[in-house]
């Protein structure tokens, strides 16, 4: 197994929801995500499925967390400003830049990232 992907919140949620389009990305590869993505996932699962399921997923994801440094923050906000017409979230922008810096593909289904370099776009 190789590390090839940075998983955004959309991809993680789709995976845990059993979407077959995302299963191989998590089974055949090692990947990473940020603390911010895990926060989004936790909130979404907490809201939709309750605390027990959210805690279970949090426990599963804790081994793939990477943390941004301040340079990532700076570059990601410049990226967000450059693409302000797409209304990208702070979390997605920092994830995209982290993926780029870590030489990983950014796995997402967010339309705002379709056709950007370094993106593996999968829409369910």
PDB file of N, CA and C in Angstrom:
ATOM      1  N   UNK A   1       0.832  -1.193   0.000  1.00  0.00           N
ATOM      2  CA  UNK A   1       0.000   0.000   0.000  1.00  0.00           C
ATOM      3  C   UNK A   1       0.872   1.250   0.000  1.00  0.00           C
ATOM      4  N   UNK A   2       0.426   2.239  -0.721  1.00  0.00           N
ATOM      5  CA  UNK A   2       1.147   3.499  -0.768  1.00  0.00           C
ATOM      6  C   UNK A   2       0.235   4.626  -0.299  1.00  0.00           C
ATOM      7  N   UNK A   3       0.850   5.696   0.151  1.00  0.00           N
ATOM      8  CA  UNK A   3       0.085   6.883   0.509  1.00  0.00           C
ATOM      9  C   UNK A   3      -0.027   7.746  -0.727  1.00  0.00           C
ATOM     10  N   UNK A   4      -1.222   7.855  -1.223  1.00  0.00           N
ATOM     11  CA  UNK A   4      -1.422   8.641  -2.430  1.00  0.00           C
ATOM     12  C   UNK A   4      -2.464   9.722  -2.280  1.00  0.00           C
ATOM     13  N   UNK A   5      -3.298   9.656  -1.267  1.00  0.00           N
ATOM     14  CA  UNK A   5      -4.443  10.557  -1.213  1.00  0.00           C
ATOM     15  C   UNK A   5      -4.523  11.347   0.081  1.00  0.00           C
ATOM     16  N   UNK A   6      -5.003  12.562  -0.096  1.00  0.00           N
ATOM     17  CA  UNK A   6      -5.451  13.369   1.035  1.00  0.00           C
ATOM     18  C   UNK A   6      -6.973  13.337   0.955  1.00  0.00           C
ATOM     19  N   UNK A   7      -7.610  12.804   1.984  1.00  0.00           N
ATOM     20  CA  UNK A   7      -9.059  12.642   1.988  1.00  0.00           C
ATOM     21  C   UNK A   7      -9.746  13.894   2.515  1.00  0.00           C
ATOM     22  N   UNK A   8     -10.581  14.511   1.697  1.00  0.00           N
ATOM     23  CA  UNK A   8     -11.364  15.629   2.217  1.00  0.00           C
ATOM     24  C   UNK A   8     -12.595  15.077   2.931  1.00  0.00           C
ATOM     25  N   UNK A   9     -13.312  15.947   3.592  1.00  0.00           N
ATOM     26  CA  UNK A   9     -14.463  15.529   4.407  1.00  0.00           C
ATOM     27  C   UNK A   9     -15.513  14.812   3.574  1.00  0.00           C
ATOM     28  N   UNK A  10     -15.760  15.300   2.386  1.00  0.00           N
ATOM     29  CA  UNK A  10     -16.745  14.691   1.492  1.00  0.00           C
ATOM     30  C   UNK A  10     -16.398  13.231   1.237  1.00  0.00           C
ATOM     31  N   UNK A  11     -15.131  12.980   0.897  1.00  0.00           N
ATOM     32  CA  UNK A  11     -14.689  11.616   0.595  1.00  0.00           C
ATOM     33  C   UNK A  11     -14.822  10.715   1.814  1.00  0.00           C
ATOM     34  N   UNK A  12     -14.452  11.216   2.971  1.00  0.00           N
ATOM     35  CA  UNK A  12     -14.531  10.411   4.193  1.00  0.00           C
ATOM     36  C   UNK A  12     -15.977  10.050   4.509  1.00  0.00           C
ATOM     37  N   UNK A  13     -16.856  11.021   4.429  1.00  0.00           N
ATOM     38  CA  UNK A  13     -18.272  10.773   4.723  1.00  0.00           C
ATOM     39  C   UNK A  13     -18.855   9.772   3.739  1.00  0.00           C
ATOM     40  N   UNK A  14     -18.536   9.932   2.462  1.00  0.00           N
ATOM     41  CA  UNK A  14     -19.032   8.997   1.453  1.00  0.00           C
ATOM     42  C   UNK A  14     -18.512   7.583   1.721  1.00  0.00           C
ATOM     43  N   UNK A  15     -17.264   7.476   2.104  1.00  0.00           N
ATOM     44  CA  UNK A  15     -16.685   6.170   2.428  1.00  0.00           C
ATOM     45  C   UNK A  15     -17.436   5.515   3.589  1.00  0.00           C
ATOM     46  N   UNK A  16     -17.607   6.249   4.670  1.00  0.00           N
ATOM     47  CA  UNK A  16     -18.288   5.679   5.835  1.00  0.00           C
ATOM     48  C   UNK A  16     -19.772   5.427   5.582  1.00  0.00           C
ATOM     49  N   UNK A  17     -20.332   6.097   4.590  1.00  0.00           N
ATOM     50  CA  UNK A  17     -21.720   5.826   4.202  1.00  0.00           C
ATOM     51  C   UNK A  17     -21.821   4.628   3.253  1.00  0.00           C
ATOM     52  N   UNK A  18     -20.683   4.032   2.923  1.00  0.00           N
ATOM     53  CA  UNK A  18     -20.671   2.837   2.093  1.00  0.00           C
ATOM     54  C   UNK A  18     -20.739   3.087   0.598  1.00  0.00           C
ATOM     55  N   UNK A  19     -20.446   4.297   0.165  1.00  0.00           N
ATOM     56  CA  UNK A  19     -20.473   4.608  -1.263  1.00  0.00           C
ATOM     57  C   UNK A  19     -19.369   3.817  -1.972  1.00  0.00           C
ATOM     58  N   UNK A  20     -19.766   2.930  -2.878  1.00  0.00           N
ATOM     59  CA  UNK A  20     -18.815   2.052  -3.559  1.00  0.00           C
ATOM     60  C   UNK A  20     -17.794   2.820  -4.388  1.00  0.00           C
ATOM     61  N   UNK A  21     -18.109   4.027  -4.799  1.00  0.00           N
ATOM     62  CA  UNK A  21     -17.168   4.824  -5.581  1.00  0.00           C
ATOM     63  C   UNK A  21     -15.927   5.220  -4.771  1.00  0.00           C
ATOM     64  N   UNK A  22     -16.046   5.187  -3.447  1.00  0.00           N
ATOM     65  CA  UNK A  22     -14.948   5.611  -2.578  1.00  0.00           C
ATOM     66  C   UNK A  22     -14.257   4.463  -1.861  1.00  0.00           C
ATOM     67  N   UNK A  23     -14.820   3.283  -1.876  1.00  0.00           N
ATOM     68  CA  UNK A  23     -14.284   2.173  -1.090  1.00  0.00           C
ATOM     69  C   UNK A  23     -12.831   1.858  -1.416  1.00  0.00           C
ATOM     70  N   UNK A  24     -12.489   1.743  -2.686  1.00  0.00           N
ATOM     71  CA  UNK A  24     -11.122   1.371  -3.057  1.00  0.00           C
ATOM     72  C   UNK A  24     -10.087   2.419  -2.664  1.00  0.00           C
ATOM     73  N   UNK A  25     -10.490   3.671  -2.623  1.00  0.00           N
ATOM     74  CA  UNK A  25      -9.553   4.723  -2.233  1.00  0.00           C
ATOM     75  C   UNK A  25      -9.094   4.559  -0.787  1.00  0.00           C
ATOM     76  N   UNK A  26      -9.930   3.947   0.016  1.00  0.00           N
ATOM     77  CA  UNK A  26      -9.596   3.748   1.418  1.00  0.00           C
ATOM     78  C   UNK A  26      -9.044   2.351   1.685  1.00  0.00           C
ATOM     79  N   UNK A  27      -9.421   1.375   0.877  1.00  0.00           N
ATOM     80  CA  UNK A  27      -8.958   0.002   1.084  1.00  0.00           C
ATOM     81  C   UNK A  27      -7.637  -0.281   0.390  1.00  0.00           C
ATOM     82  N   UNK A  28      -7.414   0.282  -0.770  1.00  0.00           N
ATOM     83  CA  UNK A  28      -6.227  -0.020  -1.557  1.00  0.00           C
ATOM     84  C   UNK A  28      -5.083   0.964  -1.346  1.00  0.00           C
ATOM     85  N   UNK A  29      -5.327   2.050  -0.635  1.00  0.00           N
ATOM     86  CA  UNK A  29      -4.318   3.082  -0.434  1.00  0.00           C
ATOM     87  C   UNK A  29      -4.298   3.524   1.022  1.00  0.00           C
ATOM     88  N   UNK A  30      -3.151   4.037   1.424  1.00  0.00           N
ATOM     89  CA  UNK A  30      -3.076   4.753   2.690  1.00  0.00           C
ATOM     90  C   UNK A  30      -3.235   6.221   2.352  1.00  0.00           C
ATOM     91  N   UNK A  31      -3.916   6.934   3.174  1.00  0.00           N
ATOM     92  CA  UNK A  31      -4.093   8.352   2.939  1.00  0.00           C
ATOM     93  C   UNK A  31      -4.088   9.107   4.243  1.00  0.00           C
ATOM     94  N   UNK A  32      -4.249  10.414   4.120  1.00  0.00           N
ATOM     95  CA  UNK A  32      -4.240  11.298   5.272  1.00  0.00           C
ATOM     96  C   UNK A  32      -5.366  12.300   5.169  1.00  0.00           C
ATOM     97  N   UNK A  33      -5.652  12.927   6.276  1.00  0.00           N
ATOM     98  CA  UNK A  33      -6.616  14.023   6.329  1.00  0.00           C
ATOM     99  C   UNK A  33      -6.173  14.969   7.429  1.00  0.00           C
ATOM    100  N   UNK A  34      -6.798  16.117   7.517  1.00  0.00           N
ATOM    101  CA  UNK A  34      -6.403  17.093   8.531  1.00  0.00           C
ATOM    102  C   UNK A  34      -7.350  17.045   9.730  1.00  0.00           C
ATOM    103  N   UNK A  35      -6.903  17.640  10.791  1.00  0.00           N
ATOM    104  CA  UNK A  35      -7.738  17.776  11.977  1.00  0.00           C
ATOM    105  C   UNK A  35      -9.037  18.497  11.633  1.00  0.00           C
ATOM    106  N   UNK A  36      -8.953  19.479  10.752  1.00  0.00           N
ATOM    107  CA  UNK A  36     -10.136  20.251  10.378  1.00  0.00           C
ATOM    108  C   UNK A  36     -11.150  19.389   9.630  1.00  0.00           C
ATOM    109  N   UNK A  37     -10.665  18.510   8.768  1.00  0.00           N
ATOM    110  CA  UNK A  37     -11.568  17.599   8.066  1.00  0.00           C
ATOM    111  C   UNK A  37     -12.239  16.648   9.056  1.00  0.00           C
ATOM    112  N   UNK A  38     -11.479  16.171  10.016  1.00  0.00           N
ATOM    113  CA  UNK A  38     -12.052  15.274  11.019  1.00  0.00           C
ATOM    114  C   UNK A  38     -13.116  16.003  11.829  1.00  0.00           C
ATOM    115  N   UNK A  39     -12.891  17.270  12.112  1.00  0.00           N
ATOM    116  CA  UNK A  39     -13.906  18.060  12.820  1.00  0.00           C
ATOM    117  C   UNK A  39     -15.196  18.122  12.006  1.00  0.00           C
ATOM    118  N   UNK A  40     -15.074  18.384  10.698  1.00  0.00           N
ATOM    119  CA  UNK A  40     -16.262  18.439   9.842  1.00  0.00           C
ATOM    120  C   UNK A  40     -16.977  17.094   9.796  1.00  0.00           C
ATOM    121  N   UNK A  41     -16.213  16.028   9.665  1.00  0.00           N
ATOM    122  CA  UNK A  41     -16.798  14.687   9.607  1.00  0.00           C
ATOM    123  C   UNK A  41     -17.493  14.372  10.924  1.00  0.00           C
ATOM    124  N   UNK A  42     -16.828  14.639  12.027  1.00  0.00           N
ATOM    125  CA  UNK A  42     -17.408  14.348  13.344  1.00  0.00           C
ATOM    126  C   UNK A  42     -18.746  15.079  13.503  1.00  0.00           C
ATOM    127  N   UNK A  43     -18.765  16.353  13.169  1.00  0.00           N
ATOM    128  CA  UNK A  43     -19.992  17.136  13.301  1.00  0.00           C
ATOM    129  C   UNK A  43     -21.108  16.571  12.429  1.00  0.00           C
ATOM    130  N   UNK A  44     -20.771  16.246  11.188  1.00  0.00           N
ATOM    131  CA  UNK A  44     -21.769  15.707  10.268  1.00  0.00           C
ATOM    132  C   UNK A  44     -22.351  14.389  10.778  1.00  0.00           C
ATOM    133  N   UNK A  45     -21.487  13.495  11.228  1.00  0.00           N
ATOM    134  CA  UNK A  45     -21.943  12.194  11.722  1.00  0.00           C
ATOM    135  C   UNK A  45     -22.702  12.372  13.035  1.00  0.00           C
ATOM    136  N   UNK A  46     -22.230  13.244  13.902  1.00  0.00           N
ATOM    137  CA  UNK A  46     -22.922  13.529  15.154  1.00  0.00           C
ATOM    138  C   UNK A  46     -24.346  14.003  14.894  1.00  0.00           C
ATOM    139  N   UNK A  47     -24.493  14.898  13.937  1.00  0.00           N
ATOM    140  CA  UNK A  47     -25.793  15.448  13.579  1.00  0.00           C
ATOM    141  C   UNK A  47     -26.706  14.394  12.958  1.00  0.00           C
ATOM    142  N   UNK A  48     -26.145  13.565  12.082  1.00  0.00           N
ATOM    143  CA  UNK A  48     -26.954  12.604  11.327  1.00  0.00           C
ATOM    144  C   UNK A  48     -27.152  11.254  12.017  1.00  0.00           C
ATOM    145  N   UNK A  49     -26.126  10.790  12.753  1.00  0.00           N
ATOM    146  CA  UNK A  49     -26.177   9.419  13.274  1.00  0.00           C
ATOM    147  C   UNK A  49     -25.924   9.288  14.771  1.00  0.00           C
ATOM    148  N   UNK A  50     -25.585  10.386  15.414  1.00  0.00           N
ATOM    149  CA  UNK A  50     -25.423  10.351  16.858  1.00  0.00           C
ATOM    150  C   UNK A  50     -23.989  10.227  17.330  1.00  0.00           C
ATOM    151  N   UNK A  51     -23.837  10.413  18.629  1.00  0.00           N
ATOM    152  CA  UNK A  51     -22.514  10.492  19.238  1.00  0.00           C
ATOM    153  C   UNK A  51     -21.743   9.174  19.188  1.00  0.00           C
ATOM    154  N   UNK A  52     -22.414   8.066  19.375  1.00  0.00           N
ATOM    155  CA  UNK A  52     -21.725   6.773  19.371  1.00  0.00           C
ATOM    156  C   UNK A  52     -21.050   6.527  18.027  1.00  0.00           C
ATOM    157  N   UNK A  53     -21.770   6.730  16.941  1.00  0.00           N
ATOM    158  CA  UNK A  53     -21.201   6.538  15.603  1.00  0.00           C
ATOM    159  C   UNK A  53     -20.110   7.566  15.324  1.00  0.00           C
ATOM    160  N   UNK A  54     -20.331   8.807  15.734  1.00  0.00           N
ATOM    161  CA  UNK A  54     -19.328   9.856  15.526  1.00  0.00           C
ATOM    162  C   UNK A  54     -18.038   9.519  16.274  1.00  0.00           C
ATOM    163  N   UNK A  55     -18.159   9.025  17.495  1.00  0.00           N
ATOM    164  CA  UNK A  55     -16.982   8.632  18.273  1.00  0.00           C
ATOM    165  C   UNK A  55     -16.242   7.462  17.619  1.00  0.00           C
ATOM    166  N   UNK A  56     -16.992   6.526  17.087  1.00  0.00           N
ATOM    167  CA  UNK A  56     -16.406   5.370  16.404  1.00  0.00           C
ATOM    168  C   UNK A  56     -15.574   5.818  15.193  1.00  0.00           C
ATOM    169  N   UNK A  57     -16.132   6.711  14.416  1.00  0.00           N
ATOM    170  CA  UNK A  57     -15.421   7.206  13.239  1.00  0.00           C
ATOM    171  C   UNK A  57     -14.210   8.039  13.643  1.00  0.00           C
ATOM    172  N   UNK A  58     -14.355   8.858  14.661  1.00  0.00           N
ATOM    173  CA  UNK A  58     -13.236   9.654  15.162  1.00  0.00           C
ATOM    174  C   UNK A  58     -12.085   8.748  15.576  1.00  0.00           C
ATOM    175  N   UNK A  59     -12.406   7.677  16.266  1.00  0.00           N
ATOM    176  CA  UNK A  59     -11.389   6.733  16.711  1.00  0.00           C
ATOM    177  C   UNK A  59     -10.683   6.075  15.518  1.00  0.00           C
ATOM    178  N   UNK A  60     -11.427   5.782  14.484  1.00  0.00           N
ATOM    179  CA  UNK A  60     -10.859   5.177  13.283  1.00  0.00           C
ATOM    180  C   UNK A  60      -9.933   6.150  12.556  1.00  0.00           C
ATOM    181  N   UNK A  61     -10.303   7.407  12.501  1.00  0.00           N
ATOM    182  CA  UNK A  61      -9.551   8.403  11.720  1.00  0.00           C
ATOM    183  C   UNK A  61      -8.319   8.962  12.432  1.00  0.00           C
ATOM    184  N   UNK A  62      -8.230   8.796  13.733  1.00  0.00           N
ATOM    185  CA  UNK A  62      -7.165   9.461  14.478  1.00  0.00           C
ATOM    186  C   UNK A  62      -5.760   9.064  14.027  1.00  0.00           C
ATOM    187  N   UNK A  63      -5.633   7.924  13.375  1.00  0.00           N
ATOM    188  CA  UNK A  63      -4.303   7.477  12.945  1.00  0.00           C
ATOM    189  C   UNK A  63      -3.859   8.100  11.630  1.00  0.00           C
ATOM    190  N   UNK A  64      -4.740   8.807  10.939  1.00  0.00           N
ATOM    191  CA  UNK A  64      -4.364   9.376   9.631  1.00  0.00           C
ATOM    192  C   UNK A  64      -4.344  10.907   9.638  1.00  0.00           C
ATOM    193  N   UNK A  65      -4.326  11.497  10.808  1.00  0.00           N
ATOM    194  CA  UNK A  65      -4.356  12.956  10.924  1.00  0.00           C
ATOM    195  C   UNK A  65      -2.974  13.555  10.671  1.00  0.00           C
ATOM    196  N   UNK A  66      -2.937  14.588   9.843  1.00  0.00           N
ATOM    197  CA  UNK A  66      -1.747  15.417   9.678  1.00  0.00           C
ATOM    198  C   UNK A  66      -2.133  16.842  10.061  1.00  0.00           C
ATOM    199  N   UNK A  67      -1.178  17.576  10.574  1.00  0.00           N
ATOM    200  CA  UNK A  67      -1.440  18.923  11.068  1.00  0.00           C
ATOM    201  C   UNK A  67      -0.745  19.959  10.192  1.00  0.00           C
ATOM    202  N   UNK A  68      -1.458  21.015   9.846  1.00  0.00           N
ATOM    203  CA  UNK A  68      -0.841  22.054   9.007  1.00  0.00           C
ATOM    204  C   UNK A  68       0.109  22.929   9.816  1.00  0.00           C
ATOM    205  N   UNK A  69       1.113  23.460   9.137  1.00  0.00           N
ATOM    206  CA  UNK A  69       1.922  24.483   9.781  1.00  0.00           C
ATOM    207  C   UNK A  69       1.438  25.848   9.280  1.00  0.00           C
ATOM    208  N   UNK A  70       1.979  26.903   9.806  1.00  0.00           N
ATOM    209  CA  UNK A  70       1.507  28.241   9.461  1.00  0.00           C
ATOM    210  C   UNK A  70       1.710  28.580   7.992  1.00  0.00           C
ATOM    211  N   UNK A  71       2.714  28.021   7.359  1.00  0.00           N
ATOM    212  CA  UNK A  71       2.912  28.267   5.933  1.00  0.00           C
ATOM    213  C   UNK A  71       1.757  27.703   5.118  1.00  0.00           C
ATOM    214  N   UNK A  72       1.205  26.572   5.531  1.00  0.00           N
ATOM    215  CA  UNK A  72       0.046  26.006   4.845  1.00  0.00           C
ATOM    216  C   UNK A  72      -1.157  26.930   4.991  1.00  0.00           C
ATOM    217  N   UNK A  73      -1.304  27.495   6.166  1.00  0.00           N
ATOM    218  CA  UNK A  73      -2.426  28.404   6.410  1.00  0.00           C
ATOM    219  C   UNK A  73      -2.327  29.604   5.484  1.00  0.00           C
ATOM    220  N   UNK A  74      -1.161  30.183   5.426  1.00  0.00           N
ATOM    221  CA  UNK A  74      -0.942  31.363   4.578  1.00  0.00           C
ATOM    222  C   UNK A  74      -1.236  31.044   3.113  1.00  0.00           C
ATOM    223  N   UNK A  75      -0.670  29.962   2.607  1.00  0.00           N
ATOM    224  CA  UNK A  75      -0.853  29.607   1.204  1.00  0.00           C
ATOM    225  C   UNK A  75      -2.301  29.224   0.894  1.00  0.00           C
ATOM    226  N   UNK A  76      -2.950  28.547   1.833  1.00  0.00           N
ATOM    227  CA  UNK A  76      -4.332  28.126   1.586  1.00  0.00           C
ATOM    228  C   UNK A  76      -5.290  29.318   1.542  1.00  0.00           C
ATOM    229  N   UNK A  77      -5.030  30.341   2.317  1.00  0.00           N
ATOM    230  CA  UNK A  77      -5.903  31.514   2.278  1.00  0.00           C
ATOM    231  C   UNK A  77      -5.659  32.331   1.014  1.00  0.00           C
ATOM    232  N   UNK A  78      -4.443  32.334   0.514  1.00  0.00           N
ATOM    233  CA  UNK A  78      -4.177  32.961  -0.783  1.00  0.00           C
ATOM    234  C   UNK A  78      -4.916  32.193  -1.881  1.00  0.00           C
ATOM    235  N   UNK A  79      -4.889  30.870  -1.792  1.00  0.00           N
ATOM    236  CA  UNK A  79      -5.603  30.033  -2.755  1.00  0.00           C
ATOM    237  C   UNK A  79      -7.104  30.309  -2.690  1.00  0.00           C
ATOM    238  N   UNK A  80      -7.638  30.411  -1.476  1.00  0.00           N
ATOM    239  CA  UNK A  80      -9.076  30.676  -1.305  1.00  0.00           C
ATOM    240  C   UNK A  80      -9.451  32.020  -1.918  1.00  0.00           C
ATOM    241  N   UNK A  81      -8.637  33.019  -1.705  1.00  0.00           N
ATOM    242  CA  UNK A  81      -8.894  34.343  -2.273  1.00  0.00           C
ATOM    243  C   UNK A  81      -8.829  34.294  -3.801  1.00  0.00           C
ATOM    244  N   UNK A  82      -7.848  33.579  -4.323  1.00  0.00           N
ATOM    245  CA  UNK A  82      -7.703  33.444  -5.772  1.00  0.00           C
ATOM    246  C   UNK A  82      -8.931  32.761  -6.400  1.00  0.00           C
ATOM    247  N   UNK A  83      -9.571  31.878  -5.652  1.00  0.00           N
ATOM    248  CA  UNK A  83     -10.725  31.123  -6.153  1.00  0.00           C
ATOM    249  C   UNK A  83     -12.019  31.513  -5.411  1.00  0.00           C
ATOM    250  N   UNK A  84     -12.112  32.766  -5.010  1.00  0.00           N
ATOM    251  CA  UNK A  84     -13.243  33.210  -4.185  1.00  0.00           C
ATOM    252  C   UNK A  84     -14.595  33.024  -4.864  1.00  0.00           C
ATOM    253  N   UNK A  85     -14.632  33.023  -6.173  1.00  0.00           N
ATOM    254  CA  UNK A  85     -15.902  32.836  -6.889  1.00  0.00           C
ATOM    255  C   UNK A  85     -16.450  31.414  -6.714  1.00  0.00           C
ATOM    256  N   UNK A  86     -15.597  30.472  -6.291  1.00  0.00           N
ATOM    257  CA  UNK A  86     -16.034  29.086  -6.093  1.00  0.00           C
ATOM    258  C   UNK A  86     -16.591  28.840  -4.686  1.00  0.00           C
ATOM    259  N   UNK A  87     -16.427  29.805  -3.790  1.00  0.00           N
ATOM    260  CA  UNK A  87     -16.929  29.707  -2.416  1.00  0.00           C
ATOM    261  C   UNK A  87     -16.441  28.436  -1.711  1.00  0.00           C
ATOM    262  N   UNK A  88     -15.136  28.199  -1.789  1.00  0.00           N
ATOM    263  CA  UNK A  88     -14.522  27.038  -1.158  1.00  0.00           C
ATOM    264  C   UNK A  88     -14.389  27.264   0.344  1.00  0.00           C
ATOM    265  N   UNK A  89     -14.540  26.213   1.113  1.00  0.00           N
ATOM    266  CA  UNK A  89     -14.428  26.335   2.565  1.00  0.00           C
ATOM    267  C   UNK A  89     -12.961  26.475   2.983  1.00  0.00           C
ATOM    268  N   UNK A  90     -12.757  27.022   4.175  1.00  0.00           N
ATOM    269  CA  UNK A  90     -11.411  27.130   4.728  1.00  0.00           C
ATOM    270  C   UNK A  90     -10.790  25.741   4.838  1.00  0.00           C
ATOM    271  N   UNK A  91     -11.560  24.800   5.344  1.00  0.00           N
ATOM    272  CA  UNK A  91     -11.066  23.435   5.535  1.00  0.00           C
ATOM    273  C   UNK A  91     -10.633  22.819   4.219  1.00  0.00           C
ATOM    274  N   UNK A  92     -11.442  22.958   3.187  1.00  0.00           N
ATOM    275  CA  UNK A  92     -11.089  22.375   1.895  1.00  0.00           C
ATOM    276  C   UNK A  92      -9.858  23.042   1.292  1.00  0.00           C
ATOM    277  N   UNK A  93      -9.727  24.331   1.470  1.00  0.00           N
ATOM    278  CA  UNK A  93      -8.565  25.030   0.923  1.00  0.00           C
ATOM    279  C   UNK A  93      -7.277  24.594   1.610  1.00  0.00           C
ATOM    280  N   UNK A  94      -7.304  24.488   2.921  1.00  0.00           N
ATOM    281  CA  UNK A  94      -6.081  24.057   3.603  1.00  0.00           C
ATOM    282  C   UNK A  94      -5.786  22.597   3.289  1.00  0.00           C
ATOM    283  N   UNK A  95      -6.831  21.778   3.129  1.00  0.00           N
ATOM    284  CA  UNK A  95      -6.624  20.390   2.736  1.00  0.00           C
ATOM    285  C   UNK A  95      -5.988  20.272   1.367  1.00  0.00           C
ATOM    286  N   UNK A  96      -6.453  21.075   0.437  1.00  0.00           N
ATOM    287  CA  UNK A  96      -5.905  21.060  -0.921  1.00  0.00           C
ATOM    288  C   UNK A  96      -4.424  21.439  -0.916  1.00  0.00           C
ATOM    289  N   UNK A  97      -4.090  22.470  -0.171  1.00  0.00           N
ATOM    290  CA  UNK A  97      -2.691  22.909  -0.104  1.00  0.00           C
ATOM    291  C   UNK A  97      -1.844  21.875   0.627  1.00  0.00           C
ATOM    292  N   UNK A  98      -2.365  21.281   1.682  1.00  0.00           N
ATOM    293  CA  UNK A  98      -1.617  20.236   2.378  1.00  0.00           C
ATOM    294  C   UNK A  98      -1.350  19.062   1.441  1.00  0.00           C
ATOM    295  N   UNK A  99      -2.360  18.679   0.674  1.00  0.00           N
ATOM    296  CA  UNK A  99      -2.184  17.581  -0.286  1.00  0.00           C
ATOM    297  C   UNK A  99      -1.067  17.916  -1.266  1.00  0.00           C
ATOM    298  N   UNK A 100      -1.094  19.124  -1.756  1.00  0.00           N
ATOM    299  CA  UNK A 100      -0.079  19.573  -2.717  1.00  0.00           C
ATOM    300  C   UNK A 100       1.317  19.501  -2.096  1.00  0.00           C
ATOM    301  N   UNK A 101       1.457  20.013  -0.886  1.00  0.00           N
ATOM    302  CA  UNK A 101       2.757  20.038  -0.210  1.00  0.00           C
ATOM    303  C   UNK A 101       3.237  18.638   0.150  1.00  0.00           C
ATOM    304  N   UNK A 102       2.310  17.743   0.467  1.00  0.00           N
ATOM    305  CA  UNK A 102       2.665  16.370   0.838  1.00  0.00           C
ATOM    306  C   UNK A 102       2.767  15.449  -0.378  1.00  0.00           C
ATOM    307  N   UNK A 103       2.554  16.038  -1.560  1.00  0.00           N
ATOM    308  CA  UNK A 103       2.609  15.294  -2.821  1.00  0.00           C
ATOM    309  C   UNK A 103       1.582  14.158  -2.861  1.00  0.00           C
ATOM    310  N   UNK A 104       0.371  14.490  -2.415  1.00  0.00           N
ATOM    311  CA  UNK A 104      -0.754  13.564  -2.430  1.00  0.00           C
ATOM    312  C   UNK A 104      -1.830  14.106  -3.359  1.00  0.00           C
ATOM    313  N   UNK A 105      -2.649  13.231  -3.894  1.00  0.00           N
ATOM    314  CA  UNK A 105      -3.815  13.667  -4.657  1.00  0.00           C
ATOM    315  C   UNK A 105      -4.909  14.034  -3.670  1.00  0.00           C
ATOM    316  N   UNK A 106      -5.632  15.101  -3.978  1.00  0.00           N
ATOM    317  CA  UNK A 106      -6.721  15.580  -3.134  1.00  0.00           C
ATOM    318  C   UNK A 106      -7.995  14.879  -3.582  1.00  0.00           C
ATOM    319  N   UNK A 107      -8.481  13.934  -2.788  1.00  0.00           N
ATOM    320  CA  UNK A 107      -9.682  13.168  -3.120  1.00  0.00           C
ATOM    321  C   UNK A 107     -10.913  13.921  -2.639  1.00  0.00           C
ATOM    322  N   UNK A 108     -11.773  14.296  -3.578  1.00  0.00           N
ATOM    323  CA  UNK A 108     -12.950  15.088  -3.239  1.00  0.00           C
ATOM    324  C   UNK A 108     -14.070  14.874  -4.249  1.00  0.00           C
ATOM    325  N   UNK A 109     -15.246  15.277  -3.853  1.00  0.00           N
ATOM    326  CA  UNK A 109     -16.395  15.330  -4.751  1.00  0.00           C
ATOM    327  C   UNK A 109     -16.930  16.743  -4.821  1.00  0.00           C
ATOM    328  N   UNK A 110     -16.184  17.684  -4.277  1.00  0.00           N
ATOM    329  CA  UNK A 110     -16.571  19.092  -4.261  1.00  0.00           C
ATOM    330  C   UNK A 110     -16.361  19.688  -5.649  1.00  0.00           C
ATOM    331  N   UNK A 111     -17.441  20.167  -6.243  1.00  0.00           N
ATOM    332  CA  UNK A 111     -17.405  20.721  -7.606  1.00  0.00           C
ATOM    333  C   UNK A 111     -16.380  21.843  -7.769  1.00  0.00           C
ATOM    334  N   UNK A 112     -16.115  22.576  -6.717  1.00  0.00           N
ATOM    335  CA  UNK A 112     -15.168  23.676  -6.800  1.00  0.00           C
ATOM    336  C   UNK A 112     -13.754  23.238  -7.124  1.00  0.00           C
ATOM    337  N   UNK A 113     -13.458  21.970  -6.906  1.00  0.00           N
ATOM    338  CA  UNK A 113     -12.111  21.458  -7.158  1.00  0.00           C
ATOM    339  C   UNK A 113     -12.012  20.659  -8.452  1.00  0.00           C
ATOM    340  N   UNK A 114     -13.125  20.452  -9.116  1.00  0.00           N
ATOM    341  CA  UNK A 114     -13.107  19.699 -10.375  1.00  0.00           C
ATOM    342  C   UNK A 114     -12.143  20.376 -11.353  1.00  0.00           C
ATOM    343  N   UNK A 115     -11.315  19.583 -11.967  1.00  0.00           N
ATOM    344  CA  UNK A 115     -10.353  20.023 -12.990  1.00  0.00           C
ATOM    345  C   UNK A 115      -9.165  20.834 -12.448  1.00  0.00           C
ATOM    346  N   UNK A 116      -9.011  20.934 -11.144  1.00  0.00           N
ATOM    347  CA  UNK A 116      -7.805  21.584 -10.619  1.00  0.00           C
ATOM    348  C   UNK A 116      -6.670  20.574 -10.594  1.00  0.00           C
ATOM    349  N   UNK A 117      -5.437  21.035 -10.740  1.00  0.00           N
ATOM    350  CA  UNK A 117      -4.308  20.094 -10.716  1.00  0.00           C
ATOM    351  C   UNK A 117      -4.196  19.386  -9.366  1.00  0.00           C
ATOM    352  N   UNK A 118      -3.859  18.112  -9.420  1.00  0.00           N
ATOM    353  CA  UNK A 118      -3.650  17.341  -8.209  1.00  0.00           C
ATOM    354  C   UNK A 118      -4.918  16.838  -7.546  1.00  0.00           C
ATOM    355  N   UNK A 119      -6.045  16.938  -8.243  1.00  0.00           N
ATOM    356  CA  UNK A 119      -7.336  16.534  -7.665  1.00  0.00           C
ATOM    357  C   UNK A 119      -7.807  15.225  -8.285  1.00  0.00           C
ATOM    358  N   UNK A 120      -8.236  14.321  -7.440  1.00  0.00           N
ATOM    359  CA  UNK A 120      -8.933  13.109  -7.864  1.00  0.00           C
ATOM    360  C   UNK A 120     -10.404  13.387  -7.563  1.00  0.00           C
ATOM    361  N   UNK A 121     -11.158  13.727  -8.598  1.00  0.00           N
ATOM    362  CA  UNK A 121     -12.546  14.136  -8.411  1.00  0.00           C
ATOM    363  C   UNK A 121     -13.474  12.936  -8.618  1.00  0.00           C
ATOM    364  N   UNK A 122     -14.282  12.657  -7.598  1.00  0.00           N
ATOM    365  CA  UNK A 122     -15.259  11.571  -7.659  1.00  0.00           C
ATOM    366  C   UNK A 122     -16.580  12.128  -7.132  1.00  0.00           C
ATOM    367  N   UNK A 123     -17.579  12.093  -7.945  1.00  0.00           N
ATOM    368  CA  UNK A 123     -18.897  12.594  -7.533  1.00  0.00           C
ATOM    369  C   UNK A 123     -19.837  11.411  -7.392  1.00  0.00           C
ATOM    370  N   UNK A 124     -20.522  11.370  -6.258  1.00  0.00           N
ATOM    371  CA  UNK A 124     -21.468  10.267  -6.036  1.00  0.00           C
ATOM    372  C   UNK A 124     -22.811  10.585  -6.648  1.00  0.00           C
TER     373      UNK A 124
END
